[in-house]
Amino acid sequence: MTALADDVGSEEDLYEDFRSSNHRYGHPGGGGEQLAINELISDGSVVYAEALWDHVTMDDQELGFKAGDVIEVMDATNKEWWWGRILDSEGWFPASFVRLRVNQDEPMEDYPLKVEGGKEDDSSSGTHRFGMGQTTKDQMRTNVINEIISTERDYIKHLKDICEGYIKQCRKRADMFTEEQLKTIFGNIEDIYRCQKKFVKALEKKFNKDHPHLSEVGSCFLEYQTEFQIYSEYCNNHPNACMELSRLTKVNKYVYFFEACRLLQKMIDISLDGFLLTPVQKICKYPLQLAELLKYTNPQHRDFKDVEAALNAMKNVAQLINERKRRLENIDKIAQWQSSIEDWEGEDVLVRSSELIYSGELTKISHPQAKSQQRMFFLFDHQLVCCKKDLLRRDILYYKSRINMDDMEIVDVEDGKDKDFNLSVKNAFKLHCQDTEEVHLFCAKKPEQKQRWLKAFENERRQVQLDQETGFSITEVQKKQAMLNASKQHHTGKPKAVTRPYYDFLMRQKHPTLPTTLPQQQVFMLAEPKRKPSNFWQNISRLTPFRK
C-alpha cells in the first residue's frame, strides 16, 4: 500500500495498473453463485428467493412484494436486477432485496405453512427418512444451520475487508479524508465487526459438526440481542453515508482510490456503497433465518424454546431499528413545519425534540389578569410550542412561546370555579412547575378533547423515558441538514421535489436493458412489513393548513 501514500494523482495510475494486469478476484457466493443460479434455471429447475424488505413500485415492469414473500427467480443474468414471479405477476426486482431460499428442493406448496404452537400444518413432513436414519426435517434443519454458520463466517470476512481494506487505508490519507468524513461514511461498522466476531465464536461453540441438526444456536441470539442494537446507529447513518460517497465519487481521485483499496484487499467486484449495505441486509436476514430454523425444529428439540424466543428477540431488534428510522424521517417534517411558522424565536425545535406527540387548539389563561387567548399548541417530546393564527390568513401561524415539559406537572382540573385563577372553568387542566410556581391553565372545547390532551401528556413522558432507556438521539449533523433542507424549500416558496439521492445512488442502474424507473421505496424497510403508521402529518394537516 505504499503506492497509496504517494501523490494524489497516483491512485489513477495504480488503478490502471491493476486493470491492465487483469487482477479480477473471485469470491464464493459472488459471481459463481449467480452463474450457478442461471445454470439451474436453464436446466429447468425452479429457484426460490425470500424477500428481505418490502419492494413498493409504481412501474409496471417491476415486481412488488412484502418482506417474507417467496419469489420464483426466472432470470439472474444481471447481478443487480433479477426477473421473478409471484403467482401471476412477473417483473424486475433488486437482487439485494432478497436472499435465496436455503432448501430449494422443498415443495413450494409446503413453504408458506405457518408454525402454530410449534407444529406444522402437515405433520407428515417430518416422517420421511433421509440417509442414515435421518428424517427429511432433520436434513432441512441441517441446511439452515449450515447456512447460518457459513453466512456468518462470510460476513466476518466481509467486515474485516471493509475495516482493513478501506478504513485503515483512508486513515492514512489525511489529505483526502477527515475523521468526521470517515465517521459519516463508515458509521460504527468497526463496533459491529468487534461484536460479530464474538457472536460467530459463540455460534461455532454451539455447532455440532457430527450432527448439525442437533446444534443448539438459539441461546447465542438471545445472549447477543442487546448488542445487536448497535445496528440501529449504523442503519440510521446509512443514508448519510451514501450521500457523502455520492459527493466524493464525483471526483476521480476518490473513485480510483476506493477501487485500488478494493483490488488490493481482493474483494468482490462491487463498489464501496454496495459493501456498506451489507450490515443493513444482515440484520434483516436474522428473523428470516430463525423463522426457517424454527420451522424445522421439533418441539421436543432442546433448541426449540430458545429458537422461538430468539426469533421474537430479533424481530424486536429489527422493529426497534425500524422505529428509530421512522423517527429520523420525522425530523425533516418537523423542520419543514418550523420553517412555515412566522416570527420563530429561540432555538430550533429539533435541538430538543424529534417527535410530534399531539396538536390542537386550546384556550390558554395566564396570570396576572387571567387573560384568555385562543392558541394552537404543538406537543413535542420535551416541549409544548404555542402559536397564534393570522386573523385574515388562517393558514398562517405566528410563533408566540414554548413551555419546557421536563419541568411541568400535569394537573386535571374539575369543572367549576378555579381558586388559583378565580374563574369558572370547564374541560380544564393545568401545567404546574414546582420549582418556579409557574402555572398555565388550559381549557378545551369538549370533554373528549381534554382527555386526548391528558393522554398525550402521558405519552410524551413515556416517549422521553423510552428514548433515555434505548439511547435514542439525533446527531447535530442530521439536525443541521434537516433545517438546511427546510430553509431551502421555504425560500423557494414551493414544495420541495421528491428526490431520492440516497436511493438513486444505491440502486442506480448500469444496464440500459433494465427498467428506467426506479422503485419508489427507500432501500431498507426492516424486517417487519406491518407497522403502525406515523400520525405526524395527520395531526399537522388536520389541524393546521400549511402554506403552499
Protein backbone atom coordinates (compact mmCIF):
# COMPACT_ATOMS: atom_id res chain seq x y z
CA MET A 1 0.00 0.00 0.00
CA THR A 2 2.99 2.33 -0.25
CA ALA A 3 1.61 3.48 -3.59
CA LEU A 4 -1.42 4.87 -1.80
CA ALA A 5 0.77 7.15 0.26
CA ASP A 6 2.14 8.87 -2.85
CA ASP A 7 0.80 11.98 -4.53
CA VAL A 8 -2.93 12.34 -5.01
CA GLY A 9 -2.64 11.63 -8.73
CA SER A 10 -1.16 8.17 -8.11
CA GLU A 11 -4.49 6.46 -7.43
CA GLU A 12 -5.39 6.64 -11.14
CA ASP A 13 -2.10 5.03 -12.19
CA LEU A 14 -2.44 2.33 -9.53
CA TYR A 15 -5.99 1.59 -10.64
CA GLU A 16 -4.94 1.32 -14.30
CA ASP A 17 -2.04 -0.99 -13.35
CA PHE A 18 -4.45 -3.38 -11.70
CA ARG A 19 -6.82 -3.19 -14.68
CA SER A 20 -4.09 -3.92 -17.21
CA SER A 21 -2.78 -6.81 -15.11
CA ASN A 22 -6.26 -8.43 -15.12
CA HIS A 23 -6.49 -8.58 -11.35
CA ARG A 24 -10.06 -9.84 -11.14
CA TYR A 25 -10.77 -11.62 -7.92
CA GLY A 26 -13.45 -14.22 -7.45
CA HIS A 27 -15.42 -14.77 -4.27
CA PRO A 28 -17.54 -17.69 -3.02
CA GLY A 29 -21.18 -16.67 -3.30
CA GLY A 30 -20.34 -13.86 -5.73
CA GLY A 31 -20.30 -14.28 -9.50
CA GLY A 32 -20.01 -18.07 -9.14
CA GLU A 33 -23.27 -18.24 -7.22
CA GLN A 34 -25.00 -16.10 -9.81
CA LEU A 35 -23.73 -18.39 -12.60
CA ALA A 36 -24.99 -21.42 -10.68
CA ILE A 37 -28.44 -19.86 -10.34
CA ASN A 38 -28.70 -19.30 -14.08
CA GLU A 39 -27.48 -22.82 -14.80
CA LEU A 40 -30.20 -24.22 -12.54
CA ILE A 41 -32.82 -22.06 -14.23
CA SER A 42 -31.65 -23.05 -17.72
CA ASP A 43 -31.77 -26.73 -16.70
CA GLY A 44 -35.43 -26.32 -15.84
CA SER A 45 -35.02 -26.18 -12.05
CA VAL A 46 -37.15 -23.80 -10.00
CA VAL A 47 -35.18 -21.33 -7.88
CA TYR A 48 -36.89 -19.51 -4.99
CA ALA A 49 -35.81 -16.42 -3.04
CA GLU A 50 -37.25 -14.78 0.08
CA ALA A 51 -37.87 -11.05 0.28
CA LEU A 52 -35.83 -9.26 2.93
CA TRP A 53 -37.75 -5.98 2.65
CA ASP A 54 -40.90 -4.56 1.15
CA HIS A 55 -40.48 -3.59 -2.50
CA VAL A 56 -43.09 -0.99 -3.40
CA THR A 57 -43.19 0.06 -7.03
CA MET A 58 -45.32 2.13 -9.40
CA ASP A 59 -43.60 0.72 -12.50
CA ASP A 60 -45.46 -1.97 -14.44
CA GLN A 61 -42.16 -3.68 -15.28
CA GLU A 62 -41.17 -4.11 -11.64
CA LEU A 63 -42.33 -6.78 -9.21
CA GLY A 64 -43.73 -5.58 -5.90
CA PHE A 65 -43.67 -7.74 -2.78
CA LYS A 66 -43.69 -7.73 1.02
CA ALA A 67 -40.90 -8.79 3.37
CA GLY A 68 -41.03 -12.56 3.75
CA ASP A 69 -42.71 -13.24 0.38
CA VAL A 70 -41.31 -16.09 -1.70
CA ILE A 71 -40.33 -15.18 -5.27
CA GLU A 72 -39.58 -17.56 -8.11
CA VAL A 73 -36.34 -16.34 -9.72
CA MET A 74 -36.66 -16.69 -13.51
CA ASP A 75 -33.58 -14.78 -14.67
CA ALA A 76 -30.49 -13.77 -12.66
CA THR A 77 -28.28 -12.81 -15.61
CA ASN A 78 -27.83 -9.29 -14.26
CA LYS A 79 -26.20 -9.04 -10.84
CA GLU A 80 -28.27 -6.04 -9.69
CA TRP A 81 -31.76 -6.69 -11.10
CA TRP A 82 -33.39 -10.11 -11.40
CA TRP A 83 -36.61 -11.13 -13.13
CA GLY A 84 -39.07 -13.01 -10.96
CA ARG A 85 -42.63 -14.16 -10.49
CA ILE A 86 -45.14 -14.23 -7.62
CA LEU A 87 -48.38 -16.01 -8.55
CA ASP A 88 -49.48 -14.37 -11.82
CA SER A 89 -47.26 -11.29 -11.52
CA GLU A 90 -43.83 -11.01 -13.14
CA GLY A 91 -41.27 -8.20 -13.19
CA TRP A 92 -37.82 -6.87 -12.32
CA PHE A 93 -36.74 -6.61 -8.69
CA PRO A 94 -33.47 -5.60 -6.97
CA ALA A 95 -31.37 -8.68 -6.18
CA SER A 96 -30.19 -7.07 -2.93
CA PHE A 97 -33.77 -7.11 -1.62
CA VAL A 98 -33.88 -10.93 -1.41
CA ARG A 99 -31.99 -13.97 -0.16
CA LEU A 100 -32.01 -17.33 -1.89
CA ARG A 101 -34.09 -19.92 -0.10
CA VAL A 102 -31.91 -22.46 1.70
CA ASN A 103 -33.98 -25.58 0.96
CA GLN A 104 -34.62 -25.22 -2.75
CA ASP A 105 -35.78 -28.82 -3.06
CA GLU A 106 -38.69 -28.25 -0.66
CA PRO A 107 -42.07 -28.29 -2.45
CA MET A 108 -43.43 -24.79 -2.94
CA GLU A 109 -46.83 -25.70 -1.57
CA ASP A 110 -45.24 -26.67 1.76
CA TYR A 111 -43.26 -23.48 2.15
CA PRO A 112 -45.86 -20.90 3.26
CA LEU A 113 -47.18 -23.16 6.02
CA LYS A 114 -47.08 -21.32 9.33
CA VAL A 115 -45.76 -22.78 12.54
CA GLU A 116 -48.55 -22.75 15.08
CA GLY A 117 -47.69 -23.85 18.58
CA GLY A 118 -44.53 -25.45 17.23
CA LYS A 119 -46.42 -27.82 14.90
CA GLU A 120 -46.62 -27.69 11.14
CA ASP A 121 -49.93 -27.95 9.37
CA ASP A 122 -48.59 -31.02 7.55
CA SER A 123 -47.42 -33.32 10.30
CA SER A 124 -46.23 -35.89 7.78
CA SER A 125 -43.48 -33.59 6.50
CA GLY A 126 -41.05 -34.79 9.14
CA THR A 127 -41.71 -38.52 8.74
CA HIS A 128 -39.77 -39.14 5.54
CA ARG A 129 -36.35 -40.70 6.07
CA PHE A 130 -33.18 -39.17 4.73
CA GLY A 131 -29.85 -41.01 4.63
CA MET A 132 -28.65 -42.79 7.76
CA GLY A 133 -31.90 -42.80 9.70
CA GLN A 134 -32.19 -39.02 9.48
CA THR A 135 -35.57 -37.51 8.67
CA THR A 136 -36.14 -35.01 5.89
CA LYS A 137 -36.94 -32.43 8.54
CA ASP A 138 -33.60 -33.05 10.25
CA GLN A 139 -31.81 -32.61 6.94
CA MET A 140 -33.69 -29.38 6.31
CA ARG A 141 -32.63 -28.16 9.77
CA THR A 142 -29.05 -29.13 8.94
CA ASN A 143 -29.26 -27.00 5.79
CA VAL A 144 -30.46 -23.97 7.75
CA ILE A 145 -27.84 -24.41 10.49
CA ASN A 146 -25.11 -24.72 7.85
CA GLU A 147 -26.37 -21.56 6.16
CA ILE A 148 -26.38 -19.61 9.43
CA ILE A 149 -22.82 -20.66 10.23
CA SER A 150 -21.42 -20.21 6.70
CA THR A 151 -23.05 -16.82 6.10
CA GLU A 152 -21.80 -15.63 9.49
CA ARG A 153 -18.24 -16.59 8.58
CA ASP A 154 -18.57 -14.87 5.20
CA TYR A 155 -19.96 -11.80 6.93
CA ILE A 156 -17.00 -11.61 9.31
CA LYS A 157 -14.64 -11.77 6.32
CA HIS A 158 -16.67 -9.04 4.67
CA LEU A 159 -16.49 -6.75 7.73
CA LYS A 160 -12.78 -7.39 8.05
CA ASP A 161 -12.26 -6.41 4.42
CA ILE A 162 -14.11 -3.13 4.95
CA CYS A 163 -12.19 -2.27 8.12
CA GLU A 164 -8.76 -3.25 6.81
CA GLY A 165 -9.22 -2.69 3.10
CA TYR A 166 -10.94 0.68 3.28
CA ILE A 167 -10.96 2.32 6.72
CA LYS A 168 -7.31 1.61 7.53
CA GLN A 169 -6.17 2.96 4.17
CA CYS A 170 -8.45 6.00 4.36
CA ARG A 171 -6.93 6.94 7.71
CA LYS A 172 -3.52 7.02 6.05
CA ARG A 173 -4.76 9.72 3.70
CA ALA A 174 -5.45 12.70 5.95
CA ASP A 175 -5.11 14.84 2.82
CA MET A 176 -8.25 13.19 1.40
CA PHE A 177 -10.41 12.32 4.43
CA THR A 178 -11.22 13.95 7.75
CA GLU A 179 -12.21 11.83 10.75
CA GLU A 180 -15.69 13.34 10.52
CA GLN A 181 -15.98 12.17 6.90
CA LEU A 182 -14.88 8.65 7.83
CA LYS A 183 -17.41 8.57 10.65
CA THR A 184 -20.13 9.59 8.18
CA ILE A 185 -19.11 7.05 5.53
CA PHE A 186 -18.41 4.03 7.74
CA GLY A 187 -20.55 4.79 10.78
CA ASN A 188 -19.93 2.37 13.65
CA ILE A 189 -19.04 -0.58 11.42
CA GLU A 190 -15.88 -1.23 13.44
CA ASP A 191 -18.03 -1.72 16.55
CA ILE A 192 -20.24 -4.10 14.56
CA TYR A 193 -17.15 -6.04 13.45
CA ARG A 194 -15.99 -6.50 17.05
CA CYS A 195 -19.48 -7.60 18.12
CA GLN A 196 -19.88 -10.07 15.24
CA LYS A 197 -16.50 -11.68 15.91
CA LYS A 198 -17.65 -12.56 19.41
CA PHE A 199 -21.02 -13.71 18.11
CA VAL A 200 -19.58 -16.07 15.49
CA LYS A 201 -17.29 -17.64 18.11
CA ALA A 202 -20.32 -18.28 20.30
CA LEU A 203 -22.14 -19.85 17.34
CA GLU A 204 -19.22 -22.11 16.49
CA LYS A 205 -19.08 -23.39 20.07
CA LYS A 206 -22.72 -24.46 19.74
CA PHE A 207 -22.23 -26.04 16.31
CA ASN A 208 -22.36 -29.84 16.31
CA LYS A 209 -20.06 -30.85 13.43
CA ASP A 210 -21.03 -34.52 13.51
CA HIS A 211 -24.79 -33.91 13.72
CA PRO A 212 -25.51 -30.29 12.70
CA HIS A 213 -29.27 -30.70 13.15
CA LEU A 214 -28.64 -31.23 16.89
CA SER A 215 -26.86 -27.84 17.20
CA GLU A 216 -28.39 -25.50 19.79
CA VAL A 217 -27.82 -21.99 18.45
CA GLY A 218 -30.91 -20.20 19.78
CA SER A 219 -29.20 -19.21 23.01
CA CYS A 220 -26.49 -17.32 21.08
CA PHE A 221 -29.03 -14.95 19.55
CA LEU A 222 -30.64 -14.41 22.94
CA GLU A 223 -27.26 -13.65 24.52
CA TYR A 224 -26.42 -11.02 21.88
CA GLN A 225 -29.83 -9.44 21.31
CA THR A 226 -28.86 -6.31 23.25
CA GLU A 227 -25.53 -5.96 21.42
CA PHE A 228 -27.34 -6.17 18.08
CA GLN A 229 -28.99 -2.83 18.85
CA ILE A 230 -25.77 -1.16 17.67
CA TYR A 231 -27.09 -1.81 14.16
CA SER A 232 -29.64 0.92 14.80
CA GLU A 233 -26.96 3.61 14.71
CA TYR A 234 -25.49 2.14 11.56
CA CYS A 235 -28.83 1.88 9.73
CA ASN A 236 -29.80 5.41 10.70
CA ASN A 237 -26.49 6.76 9.41
CA HIS A 238 -26.50 4.75 6.18
CA PRO A 239 -28.36 7.33 4.03
CA ASN A 240 -25.81 9.96 5.12
CA ALA A 241 -23.00 7.57 4.19
CA CYS A 242 -24.36 7.06 0.69
CA MET A 243 -24.86 10.77 0.11
CA GLU A 244 -21.31 11.54 1.28
CA LEU A 245 -19.96 8.80 -1.00
CA SER A 246 -22.01 10.19 -3.88
CA ARG A 247 -20.41 13.58 -3.33
CA LEU A 248 -16.87 12.24 -3.11
CA THR A 249 -17.10 9.92 -6.09
CA LYS A 250 -17.84 12.85 -8.38
CA VAL A 251 -14.08 13.46 -8.06
CA ASN A 252 -11.95 10.94 -9.98
CA LYS A 253 -9.20 10.64 -7.40
CA TYR A 254 -11.69 9.19 -4.88
CA VAL A 255 -13.06 6.75 -7.44
CA TYR A 256 -9.55 5.47 -8.19
CA PHE A 257 -8.61 5.37 -4.52
CA PHE A 258 -11.65 3.29 -3.48
CA GLU A 259 -11.17 0.91 -6.42
CA ALA A 260 -7.46 0.49 -5.57
CA CYS A 261 -8.41 -0.36 -1.98
CA ARG A 262 -10.90 -2.96 -3.19
CA LEU A 263 -8.43 -4.60 -5.57
CA LEU A 264 -5.58 -4.72 -3.09
CA GLN A 265 -7.84 -6.31 -0.48
CA LYS A 266 -9.00 -8.83 -3.14
CA MET A 267 -12.67 -8.01 -2.58
CA ILE A 268 -15.50 -8.92 -4.96
CA ASP A 269 -16.37 -6.62 -7.84
CA ILE A 270 -18.89 -4.24 -6.30
CA SER A 271 -18.50 -0.62 -5.26
CA LEU A 272 -17.98 0.60 -1.71
CA ASP A 273 -21.62 1.64 -1.31
CA GLY A 274 -22.59 -1.97 -2.05
CA PHE A 275 -20.28 -3.26 0.66
CA LEU A 276 -21.68 -0.77 3.15
CA LEU A 277 -25.20 -2.03 2.54
CA THR A 278 -24.33 -5.49 3.90
CA PRO A 279 -24.83 -4.76 7.64
CA VAL A 280 -28.28 -3.37 6.82
CA GLN A 281 -29.10 -6.56 4.95
CA LYS A 282 -27.65 -8.76 7.69
CA ILE A 283 -29.89 -7.55 10.50
CA CYS A 284 -32.86 -8.17 8.19
CA LYS A 285 -31.83 -11.75 7.49
CA TYR A 286 -31.78 -12.94 11.09
CA PRO A 287 -35.59 -13.06 11.59
CA LEU A 288 -35.99 -14.93 8.27
CA GLN A 289 -33.24 -17.43 9.13
CA LEU A 290 -34.63 -18.03 12.61
CA ALA A 291 -38.18 -18.40 11.28
CA GLU A 292 -36.92 -21.04 8.88
CA LEU A 293 -34.91 -22.74 11.63
CA LEU A 294 -37.96 -22.84 13.89
CA LYS A 295 -39.98 -24.43 11.12
CA TYR A 296 -37.62 -27.42 11.01
CA THR A 297 -37.10 -27.69 14.77
CA ASN A 298 -39.28 -30.26 16.50
CA PRO A 299 -40.98 -29.06 19.69
CA GLN A 300 -39.12 -31.84 21.52
CA HIS A 301 -35.75 -30.50 20.35
CA ARG A 302 -33.67 -28.96 23.14
CA ASP A 303 -33.18 -25.86 20.98
CA PHE A 304 -36.87 -25.26 20.23
CA LYS A 305 -37.73 -22.82 23.03
CA ASP A 306 -34.53 -20.83 22.56
CA VAL A 307 -35.04 -20.55 18.80
CA GLU A 308 -38.63 -19.45 19.36
CA ALA A 309 -37.50 -16.81 21.86
CA ALA A 310 -34.61 -15.79 19.61
CA LEU A 311 -36.98 -15.23 16.69
CA ASN A 312 -39.11 -12.88 18.78
CA ALA A 313 -36.00 -11.14 20.11
CA MET A 314 -34.55 -10.49 16.66
CA LYS A 315 -37.93 -9.28 15.42
CA ASN A 316 -37.93 -6.82 18.31
CA VAL A 317 -34.41 -5.65 17.40
CA ALA A 318 -35.48 -5.08 13.81
CA GLN A 319 -38.64 -3.34 15.00
CA LEU A 320 -36.62 -1.02 17.24
CA ILE A 321 -34.32 -0.16 14.35
CA ASN A 322 -37.30 0.44 12.10
CA GLU A 323 -38.91 2.71 14.70
CA ARG A 324 -35.72 4.74 15.03
CA LYS A 325 -35.58 5.08 11.28
CA ARG A 326 -39.16 6.38 11.30
CA ARG A 327 -38.20 8.93 13.94
CA LEU A 328 -35.32 10.13 11.81
CA GLU A 329 -37.64 10.51 8.84
CA ASN A 330 -39.85 12.69 11.04
CA ILE A 331 -37.16 15.28 11.70
CA ASP A 332 -37.41 16.53 8.12
CA LYS A 333 -41.14 17.01 8.59
CA ILE A 334 -40.61 18.84 11.88
CA ALA A 335 -38.03 21.12 10.24
CA GLN A 336 -40.45 21.86 7.40
CA TRP A 337 -43.17 22.63 9.95
CA GLN A 338 -40.92 25.09 11.80
CA SER A 339 -39.96 26.81 8.54
CA SER A 340 -43.66 27.53 7.93
CA ILE A 341 -44.07 29.34 11.27
CA GLU A 342 -43.66 33.12 11.14
CA ASP A 343 -41.58 35.08 13.69
CA TRP A 344 -39.87 32.00 15.12
CA GLU A 345 -37.72 32.83 18.16
CA GLY A 346 -35.16 30.92 20.17
CA GLU A 347 -33.59 27.57 19.40
CA ASP A 348 -34.84 25.25 16.69
CA VAL A 349 -37.42 22.73 17.82
CA LEU A 350 -35.04 19.91 16.73
CA VAL A 351 -32.49 20.95 19.34
CA ARG A 352 -34.56 19.13 21.96
CA SER A 353 -37.32 17.29 20.13
CA SER A 354 -37.76 14.66 17.42
CA GLU A 355 -41.41 13.60 17.64
CA LEU A 356 -44.74 15.39 17.44
CA ILE A 357 -46.96 13.77 20.06
CA TYR A 358 -50.19 15.76 19.61
CA SER A 359 -51.52 19.11 18.43
CA GLY A 360 -54.73 21.09 18.67
CA GLU A 361 -56.50 24.28 19.63
CA LEU A 362 -56.86 25.31 23.28
CA THR A 363 -57.80 28.37 25.28
CA LYS A 364 -54.85 29.49 27.38
CA ILE A 365 -55.45 31.53 30.55
CA SER A 366 -52.49 33.34 32.11
CA HIS A 367 -51.81 35.40 35.24
CA PRO A 368 -51.94 38.10 36.41
CA GLN A 369 -55.02 39.47 34.60
CA ALA A 370 -56.37 35.97 33.87
CA LYS A 371 -56.49 36.93 30.20
CA SER A 372 -57.75 34.18 27.87
CA GLN A 373 -56.21 33.55 24.44
CA GLN A 374 -57.16 31.11 21.70
CA ARG A 375 -53.98 29.41 20.52
CA MET A 376 -52.68 26.44 18.55
CA PHE A 377 -50.48 24.10 20.58
CA PHE A 378 -47.98 21.52 19.34
CA LEU A 379 -46.79 18.96 21.87
CA PHE A 380 -43.35 17.54 21.06
CA ASP A 381 -41.18 15.43 23.28
CA HIS A 382 -39.69 17.81 25.88
CA GLN A 383 -41.63 20.93 24.82
CA LEU A 384 -45.03 22.45 24.08
CA VAL A 385 -44.98 25.10 21.35
CA CYS A 386 -47.66 27.83 21.28
CA CYS A 387 -48.66 29.57 18.03
CA LYS A 388 -51.24 32.17 17.02
CA LYS A 389 -53.33 32.05 13.86
CA ASP A 390 -53.30 35.03 11.49
CA LEU A 391 -56.59 36.96 11.72
CA LEU A 392 -57.09 37.07 7.96
CA ARG A 393 -54.98 34.21 6.65
CA ARG A 394 -55.95 31.37 8.97
CA ASP A 395 -53.38 29.10 7.33
CA ILE A 396 -50.53 31.26 8.68
CA LEU A 397 -49.18 30.68 12.19
CA TYR A 398 -47.06 33.01 14.30
CA TYR A 399 -44.73 31.74 17.00
CA LYS A 400 -45.68 33.00 20.48
CA SER A 401 -43.98 30.91 23.16
CA ARG A 402 -42.97 27.46 24.35
CA ILE A 403 -43.11 25.51 27.62
CA ASN A 404 -40.43 23.14 28.87
CA MET A 405 -42.31 19.91 29.59
CA ASP A 406 -39.43 18.41 31.60
CA ASP A 407 -40.25 20.81 34.44
CA MET A 408 -44.02 20.53 34.31
CA GLU A 409 -46.58 18.59 36.28
CA ILE A 410 -49.99 17.90 34.69
CA VAL A 411 -52.97 18.74 36.91
CA ASP A 412 -56.51 17.69 36.00
CA VAL A 413 -58.97 20.48 36.91
CA GLU A 414 -62.59 19.77 37.79
CA ASP A 415 -65.36 21.82 36.17
CA GLY A 416 -66.33 24.80 38.31
CA LYS A 417 -64.52 27.71 39.92
CA ASP A 418 -60.74 27.54 40.00
CA LYS A 419 -59.38 29.19 43.13
CA ASP A 420 -55.91 29.93 41.66
CA PHE A 421 -57.32 31.98 38.76
CA ASN A 422 -60.65 32.92 40.42
CA LEU A 423 -62.52 31.83 37.28
CA SER A 424 -65.22 29.34 36.39
CA VAL A 425 -63.69 26.78 34.03
CA LYS A 426 -64.82 23.78 32.03
CA ASN A 427 -62.79 20.98 30.41
CA ALA A 428 -59.66 22.43 32.00
CA PHE A 429 -56.20 21.25 33.04
CA LYS A 430 -53.05 22.93 34.32
CA LEU A 431 -49.33 22.75 33.73
CA HIS A 432 -47.55 23.49 37.02
CA CYS A 433 -43.83 23.98 37.59
CA GLN A 434 -42.94 23.16 41.21
CA ASP A 435 -39.56 24.92 41.06
CA THR A 436 -40.81 28.32 39.88
CA GLU A 437 -44.50 28.01 40.87
CA GLU A 438 -45.30 28.87 37.25
CA VAL A 439 -48.88 27.83 36.39
CA HIS A 440 -50.62 27.63 33.00
CA LEU A 441 -54.36 26.99 32.72
CA PHE A 442 -55.84 25.46 29.55
CA CYS A 443 -59.43 24.84 28.51
CA ALA A 444 -60.59 22.52 25.74
CA LYS A 445 -63.86 22.93 23.86
CA LYS A 446 -65.12 19.43 24.61
CA PRO A 447 -64.50 16.84 27.36
CA GLU A 448 -63.14 14.31 24.86
CA GLN A 449 -60.59 16.85 23.63
CA LYS A 450 -59.41 17.39 27.18
CA GLN A 451 -58.98 13.63 27.67
CA ARG A 452 -56.98 13.38 24.46
CA TRP A 453 -54.65 16.09 25.71
CA LEU A 454 -54.20 14.41 29.11
CA LYS A 455 -53.40 11.14 27.31
CA ALA A 456 -50.97 12.97 25.04
CA PHE A 457 -49.06 14.36 28.02
CA GLU A 458 -48.73 10.82 29.37
CA ASN A 459 -47.44 9.66 26.00
CA GLU A 460 -44.91 12.49 25.92
CA ARG A 461 -43.39 11.46 29.24
CA ARG A 462 -43.40 7.81 28.17
CA GLN A 463 -41.60 8.71 24.92
CA VAL A 464 -38.94 10.69 26.78
CA GLN A 465 -38.35 7.80 29.18
CA LEU A 466 -38.14 5.28 26.33
CA ASP A 467 -35.62 7.42 24.46
CA GLN A 468 -33.48 7.59 27.60
CA GLU A 469 -33.65 3.82 28.09
CA THR A 470 -32.82 2.98 24.47
CA GLY A 471 -30.29 5.77 23.99
CA PHE A 472 -32.09 7.30 21.02
CA SER A 473 -30.64 10.59 19.84
CA ILE A 474 -30.26 12.65 16.68
CA THR A 475 -26.82 13.84 15.62
CA GLU A 476 -26.05 17.51 15.17
CA VAL A 477 -25.27 16.82 11.51
CA GLN A 478 -28.73 15.32 10.95
CA LYS A 479 -30.43 18.26 12.69
CA LYS A 480 -28.49 20.85 10.70
CA GLN A 481 -29.16 19.05 7.42
CA ALA A 482 -32.90 18.86 8.12
CA MET A 483 -33.09 22.57 8.93
CA LEU A 484 -30.98 23.43 5.87
CA ASN A 485 -33.27 21.43 3.59
CA ALA A 486 -36.35 23.07 5.10
CA SER A 487 -34.82 26.54 4.75
CA LYS A 488 -34.10 25.97 1.06
CA GLN A 489 -37.63 24.78 0.48
CA HIS A 490 -39.10 27.71 2.41
CA HIS A 491 -37.17 30.29 0.38
CA THR A 492 -38.23 28.84 -2.95
CA GLY A 493 -41.86 29.26 -1.97
CA LYS A 494 -42.89 25.91 -3.39
CA PRO A 495 -42.83 22.30 -2.19
CA LYS A 496 -39.52 20.53 -2.49
CA ALA A 497 -39.49 17.94 -5.26
CA VAL A 498 -39.47 14.37 -4.05
CA THR A 499 -35.92 13.26 -4.69
CA ARG A 500 -34.09 10.19 -3.51
CA PRO A 501 -30.35 10.83 -3.90
CA TYR A 502 -29.69 8.06 -1.41
CA TYR A 503 -31.85 5.56 -3.22
CA ASP A 504 -30.78 6.63 -6.71
CA PHE A 505 -27.14 6.41 -5.70
CA LEU A 506 -27.57 3.00 -4.12
CA MET A 507 -29.72 1.38 -6.78
CA ARG A 508 -28.54 3.24 -9.90
CA GLN A 509 -28.88 1.14 -12.99
CA LYS A 510 -25.87 0.38 -15.14
CA HIS A 511 -27.65 -1.65 -17.82
CA PRO A 512 -29.96 0.11 -20.33
CA THR A 513 -31.98 -3.07 -20.88
CA LEU A 514 -33.40 -2.81 -17.38
CA PRO A 515 -36.41 -0.67 -16.39
CA THR A 516 -35.68 3.04 -16.30
CA THR A 517 -37.98 3.90 -13.40
CA LEU A 518 -36.51 3.07 -10.01
CA PRO A 519 -38.64 1.61 -7.19
CA GLN A 520 -40.42 4.26 -5.14
CA GLN A 521 -39.17 2.88 -1.84
CA GLN A 522 -36.25 3.69 0.43
CA VAL A 523 -33.67 0.95 0.42
CA PHE A 524 -34.26 -0.55 3.82
CA MET A 525 -37.65 -1.31 5.27
CA LEU A 526 -36.58 -3.53 8.11
CA ALA A 527 -37.93 -6.95 8.88
CA GLU A 528 -41.46 -6.05 9.97
CA PRO A 529 -43.57 -5.09 6.93
CA LYS A 530 -46.53 -4.24 9.13
CA ARG A 531 -46.07 -1.33 11.47
CA LYS A 532 -48.30 1.30 12.90
CA PRO A 533 -48.17 4.32 10.58
CA SER A 534 -46.98 7.63 11.97
CA ASN A 535 -49.78 10.08 12.69
CA PHE A 536 -47.43 13.06 12.33
CA TRP A 537 -48.88 14.52 9.17
CA GLN A 538 -52.43 13.55 10.09
CA ASN A 539 -52.11 15.66 13.24
CA ILE A 540 -50.48 18.57 11.43
CA SER A 541 -52.59 18.69 8.28
CA ARG A 542 -55.88 18.11 10.09
CA LEU A 543 -55.33 20.96 12.48
CA THR A 544 -53.05 23.40 10.65
CA PRO A 545 -53.30 24.14 6.94
CA PHE A 546 -49.85 24.83 5.54
CA ARG A 547 -48.97 27.48 3.04
CA LYS A 548 -48.23 26.16 -0.41
